Amino acid sequence: MFSTFFENGYSGVTVFFVLSGFVLTVRYFNEFQHPTRDLLRGYFFARLARIYPSYLLVILIVGLIDGFPRASTFVQHLLMVQTWSSDSDVAYALNGPGWSIGVEAFLYLVFPVIAVLLGRSRNMRTTAGISAVVVFMLMAAITIYFSISSNAHLAETDKNSAWRWIYRNPAFRLGDFVLGMSLGVFVLRREVKAATNWIPATIATLSFLSIVIAMANRPTLNSALSMDLLYSIPTIGLIYGLACPGKHLIKRFLEKPLIQWLGEISFAAYLVHVPIGQKLRQFLGSRFEIGHWSVTFILVLISTVVAASALHYIFERPLRSIIRRLA
């Protein structure tokens, strides 16, 4: 169960994409009801500052250590469009997790368009709700197809696999983003009373437990269902429960200083955890037997936190401030 949970770690990007749609909506939706050139300029500079400096630094460091791919592949990574490629060797070159940054860049680009379209509807909450239902039905239909068709068990490297079309395709991940945006509109347009009641806490708790149980469930490991749909709705429930006013156990836990700090460096940690893990496992492979996997895990974890802290405080935050001042 423990090993299955970590093997299912790839599913965490679903939470990331849904949360991204929610956060951007809460932050920018009202402003984009009256879009201006200055607003768009500030928005895009802020988004660029959020993801690009650390992303670029990590792929350059990995390239210098392991060697750069051919020029066309490297340019795709520089432009953050590698995840659109049908070739998994292109999509995962340099730093594997970088594919999701390419998806996020695409979602950042389309957010203003979706926000303006939603803002022009007469009843935003109803439109957002209908959009969420339609998007979820499309996602479910595609997932069912890849679960029952001859493509169900294709390898990740196959261009016809669910890994390509569901897991890392930006167009499919737009569904997660729209679900998050719909929830954001719902929260912005609703009077949420102080949560002395048990409903938000129950929704958050059940959603969190659903995510944990799903990640510990080996039968769904590497399935089309686990690549997105299995986690999208529980993520909506978790975010809603956390967004409502009031205190409950999960919210209190997330407000702990240590958890807040880990959240602050999480983006940097995500970028460096794979290259650090690969190098440490290569180095430690001949020194520890397989039974000592826990030693390797702890060393990788500590090294990732240290490297992520350095990247965040020494490079990411200063560069972010400089880019935002240019807006």
Foldseek 3Di string as FASTA:
>chain_A
DVVLLVLLVLLVVLLVQLQVLQVCLLVCLVVLLDDDPVNVVLLVLLLCLQAPFLQVVQLVVLCVVVNDDDPVLVVCLNVLNQLQDLAQCSLCPSHRVSLSVSLVVVLSVCSSVVSNVLSPDPDSLVVLVVLLVVLLVVLVVVQVCCCPDPQFDDDCRHSSHLCSVQQRNSVNSVSSSSNSNSLNVVVVPDDFDAPPDCVLVVLQVVLVVQSSVVSNDVVCRPGSCSSHVSNSVSSSSNVSSLPGHDDDDVVVVCPPPVNVVCVQLVSLLSRCLVVLLVVLCVVCVVPDDPVVVVVSVVVSVVVSVVRSVCCCPVPSVVSSVVSSVVD
